[in-house]
Amino acid sequence: MTFGWKHKKSLGPYVELSGNYAYYWSYISHFFHVPFYVYAYAFGNCLVNSLYMRFQEAPNGFQDKYISMLSAGGTLHHKDLLKPFNLDATESNFWDQGLNLVSTMIDELEDLS
């Protein structure tokens, strides 16, 4: 199989991938210049899941804390941003909560089968 066959399959006949598509990966500079960049995706995904779990547990006042967190932008360390939610990314339960949400979603999907 050639490089990009999954993309071709997902895009169907509507997008033509030229032979040069095989070199497309080399165009994505963060593959080379930002080691472990995918960690940010995993952290962000788990963060959102853990925040959602907190929202489900205690929705009252969550919105104000969330807006305050977003308003801080990049001015605070994640540890400080998460304090109002009683979350700490250095603790295993932070990661457990995020992963448990994914596990719950998988179980729900399997139940639909």
C-alpha atoms as a PDB file:
ATOM      1  CA  MET A   1       0.000   0.000   0.000  1.00  0.00           C
ATOM      2  CA  THR A   2       1.158   3.488  -0.694  1.00  0.00           C
ATOM      3  CA  PHE A   3       1.465   6.381   1.715  1.00  0.00           C
ATOM      4  CA  GLY A   4      -1.817   8.171   2.201  1.00  0.00           C
ATOM      5  CA  TRP A   5      -4.102   5.250   1.339  1.00  0.00           C
ATOM      6  CA  LYS A   6      -6.128   5.909   4.510  1.00  0.00           C
ATOM      7  CA  HIS A   7      -6.589   9.527   3.480  1.00  0.00           C
ATOM      8  CA  LYS A   8      -7.590   8.490  -0.001  1.00  0.00           C
ATOM      9  CA  LYS A   9     -10.074   5.995   1.398  1.00  0.00           C
ATOM     10  CA  SER A  10     -11.607   8.545   3.795  1.00  0.00           C
ATOM     11  CA  LEU A  11     -11.838  11.286   1.160  1.00  0.00           C
ATOM     12  CA  GLY A  12     -13.295   9.015  -1.480  1.00  0.00           C
ATOM     13  CA  PRO A  13     -13.338   9.901  -5.177  1.00  0.00           C
ATOM     14  CA  TYR A  14     -13.827  13.630  -4.473  1.00  0.00           C
ATOM     15  CA  VAL A  15     -10.171  14.455  -3.811  1.00  0.00           C
ATOM     16  CA  GLU A  16      -7.335  13.333  -6.019  1.00  0.00           C
ATOM     17  CA  LEU A  17      -4.038  12.723  -4.222  1.00  0.00           C
ATOM     18  CA  SER A  18      -1.096  13.170  -6.547  1.00  0.00           C
ATOM     19  CA  GLY A  19       2.064  11.086  -6.414  1.00  0.00           C
ATOM     20  CA  ASN A  20       3.763  13.880  -4.502  1.00  0.00           C
ATOM     21  CA  TYR A  21       1.381  13.287  -1.616  1.00  0.00           C
ATOM     22  CA  ALA A  22       3.786  10.591  -0.482  1.00  0.00           C
ATOM     23  CA  TYR A  23       6.080  13.406   0.688  1.00  0.00           C
ATOM     24  CA  TYR A  24       3.384  15.443   2.425  1.00  0.00           C
ATOM     25  CA  TRP A  25       4.491  14.333   5.884  1.00  0.00           C
ATOM     26  CA  SER A  26       7.798  16.185   5.379  1.00  0.00           C
ATOM     27  CA  TYR A  27       5.882  19.474   5.016  1.00  0.00           C
ATOM     28  CA  ILE A  28       4.616  19.289   8.605  1.00  0.00           C
ATOM     29  CA  SER A  29       7.439  21.026  10.442  1.00  0.00           C
ATOM     30  CA  HIS A  30       6.359  20.150  13.961  1.00  0.00           C
ATOM     31  CA  PHE A  31       7.131  16.506  13.200  1.00  0.00           C
ATOM     32  CA  PHE A  32      10.787  17.585  13.313  1.00  0.00           C
ATOM     33  CA  HIS A  33      11.018  20.771  15.364  1.00  0.00           C
ATOM     34  CA  VAL A  34       8.718  20.091  18.320  1.00  0.00           C
ATOM     35  CA  PRO A  35       9.602  16.813  19.995  1.00  0.00           C
ATOM     36  CA  PHE A  36       6.696  15.149  21.792  1.00  0.00           C
ATOM     37  CA  TYR A  37       4.204  17.712  20.465  1.00  0.00           C
ATOM     38  CA  VAL A  38       1.432  15.122  20.584  1.00  0.00           C
ATOM     39  CA  TYR A  39       1.644  15.205  24.383  1.00  0.00           C
ATOM     40  CA  ALA A  40      -0.218  18.518  24.222  1.00  0.00           C
ATOM     41  CA  TYR A  41      -3.106  16.797  22.431  1.00  0.00           C
ATOM     42  CA  ALA A  42      -3.277  14.006  25.006  1.00  0.00           C
ATOM     43  CA  PHE A  43      -3.083  16.474  27.891  1.00  0.00           C
ATOM     44  CA  GLY A  44      -5.723  18.760  26.388  1.00  0.00           C
ATOM     45  CA  ASN A  45      -8.076  15.886  25.694  1.00  0.00           C
ATOM     46  CA  CYS A  46      -7.722  14.501  29.205  1.00  0.00           C
ATOM     47  CA  LEU A  47      -8.102  17.996  30.664  1.00  0.00           C
ATOM     48  CA  VAL A  48     -11.396  18.560  28.847  1.00  0.00           C
ATOM     49  CA  ASN A  49     -12.649  15.125  29.880  1.00  0.00           C
ATOM     50  CA  SER A  50     -11.713  15.702  33.526  1.00  0.00           C
ATOM     51  CA  LEU A  51     -13.355  19.122  33.505  1.00  0.00           C
ATOM     52  CA  TYR A  52     -16.490  17.603  32.005  1.00  0.00           C
ATOM     53  CA  MET A  53     -16.553  14.990  34.754  1.00  0.00           C
ATOM     54  CA  ARG A  54     -16.301  17.804  37.336  1.00  0.00           C
ATOM     55  CA  PHE A  55     -19.159  19.598  35.612  1.00  0.00           C
ATOM     56  CA  GLN A  56     -21.310  16.482  35.793  1.00  0.00           C
ATOM     57  CA  GLU A  57     -20.517  16.081  39.503  1.00  0.00           C
ATOM     58  CA  ALA A  58     -21.154  19.723  40.441  1.00  0.00           C
ATOM     59  CA  PRO A  59     -22.671  21.924  37.730  1.00  0.00           C
ATOM     60  CA  ASN A  60     -23.454  24.846  40.076  1.00  0.00           C
ATOM     61  CA  GLY A  61     -20.769  27.510  39.756  1.00  0.00           C
ATOM     62  CA  PHE A  62     -18.849  25.546  37.144  1.00  0.00           C
ATOM     63  CA  GLN A  63     -19.525  28.058  34.375  1.00  0.00           C
ATOM     64  CA  ASP A  64     -18.003  30.976  36.292  1.00  0.00           C
ATOM     65  CA  LYS A  65     -14.876  28.983  37.156  1.00  0.00           C
ATOM     66  CA  TYR A  66     -14.574  27.801  33.555  1.00  0.00           C
ATOM     67  CA  ILE A  67     -14.903  31.298  32.098  1.00  0.00           C
ATOM     68  CA  SER A  68     -12.348  32.546  34.619  1.00  0.00           C
ATOM     69  CA  MET A  69      -9.959  29.789  33.567  1.00  0.00           C
ATOM     70  CA  LEU A  70     -10.383  30.647  29.880  1.00  0.00           C
ATOM     71  CA  SER A  71     -10.001  34.370  30.600  1.00  0.00           C
ATOM     72  CA  ALA A  72      -6.588  33.733  32.149  1.00  0.00           C
ATOM     73  CA  GLY A  73      -5.343  32.585  28.745  1.00  0.00           C
ATOM     74  CA  GLY A  74      -1.718  31.548  28.918  1.00  0.00           C
ATOM     75  CA  THR A  75      -0.930  33.705  31.958  1.00  0.00           C
ATOM     76  CA  LEU A  76      -1.155  30.915  34.546  1.00  0.00           C
ATOM     77  CA  HIS A  77       0.361  27.482  34.941  1.00  0.00           C
ATOM     78  CA  HIS A  78      -2.109  24.644  34.446  1.00  0.00           C
ATOM     79  CA  LYS A  79      -1.774  23.745  38.116  1.00  0.00           C
ATOM     80  CA  ASP A  80      -3.160  27.163  39.078  1.00  0.00           C
ATOM     81  CA  LEU A  81      -5.855  27.048  36.409  1.00  0.00           C
ATOM     82  CA  LEU A  82      -7.146  23.723  37.686  1.00  0.00           C
ATOM     83  CA  LYS A  83      -7.181  24.550  41.427  1.00  0.00           C
ATOM     84  CA  PRO A  84     -10.752  25.940  41.432  1.00  0.00           C
ATOM     85  CA  PHE A  85     -11.914  22.601  40.001  1.00  0.00           C
ATOM     86  CA  ASN A  86      -9.956  20.561  42.557  1.00  0.00           C
ATOM     87  CA  LEU A  87      -7.983  18.980  39.742  1.00  0.00           C
ATOM     88  CA  ASP A  88      -4.249  18.367  39.696  1.00  0.00           C
ATOM     89  CA  ALA A  89      -2.597  16.999  36.575  1.00  0.00           C
ATOM     90  CA  THR A  90       0.242  15.575  38.674  1.00  0.00           C
ATOM     91  CA  GLU A  91      -2.191  13.216  40.410  1.00  0.00           C
ATOM     92  CA  SER A  92      -3.236   9.924  38.853  1.00  0.00           C
ATOM     93  CA  ASN A  93      -6.936  10.548  39.506  1.00  0.00           C
ATOM     94  CA  PHE A  94      -6.797  13.466  37.046  1.00  0.00           C
ATOM     95  CA  TRP A  95      -5.809  11.073  34.286  1.00  0.00           C
ATOM     96  CA  ASP A  96      -8.147   8.362  35.546  1.00  0.00           C
ATOM     97  CA  GLN A  97     -11.152  10.676  35.309  1.00  0.00           C
ATOM     98  CA  GLY A  98     -10.372  11.660  31.758  1.00  0.00           C
ATOM     99  CA  LEU A  99      -9.776   8.089  30.667  1.00  0.00           C
ATOM    100  CA  ASN A 100     -12.863   6.823  32.512  1.00  0.00           C
ATOM    101  CA  LEU A 101     -15.001   9.171  30.449  1.00  0.00           C
ATOM    102  CA  VAL A 102     -13.568   7.679  27.259  1.00  0.00           C
ATOM    103  CA  SER A 103     -14.144   4.183  28.630  1.00  0.00           C
ATOM    104  CA  THR A 104     -17.753   5.073  29.433  1.00  0.00           C
ATOM    105  CA  MET A 105     -18.283   6.350  25.897  1.00  0.00           C
ATOM    106  CA  ILE A 106     -16.841   3.127  24.453  1.00  0.00           C
ATOM    107  CA  ASP A 107     -19.174   1.084  26.664  1.00  0.00           C
ATOM    108  CA  GLU A 108     -22.149   3.143  25.450  1.00  0.00           C
ATOM    109  CA  LEU A 109     -21.153   2.575  21.833  1.00  0.00           C
ATOM    110  CA  GLU A 110     -20.777  -1.142  22.402  1.00  0.00           C
ATOM    111  CA  ASP A 111     -24.236  -1.248  24.010  1.00  0.00           C
ATOM    112  CA  LEU A 112     -25.693   0.232  20.813  1.00  0.00           C
ATOM    113  CA  SER A 113     -24.444  -2.751  18.812  1.00  0.00           C
END
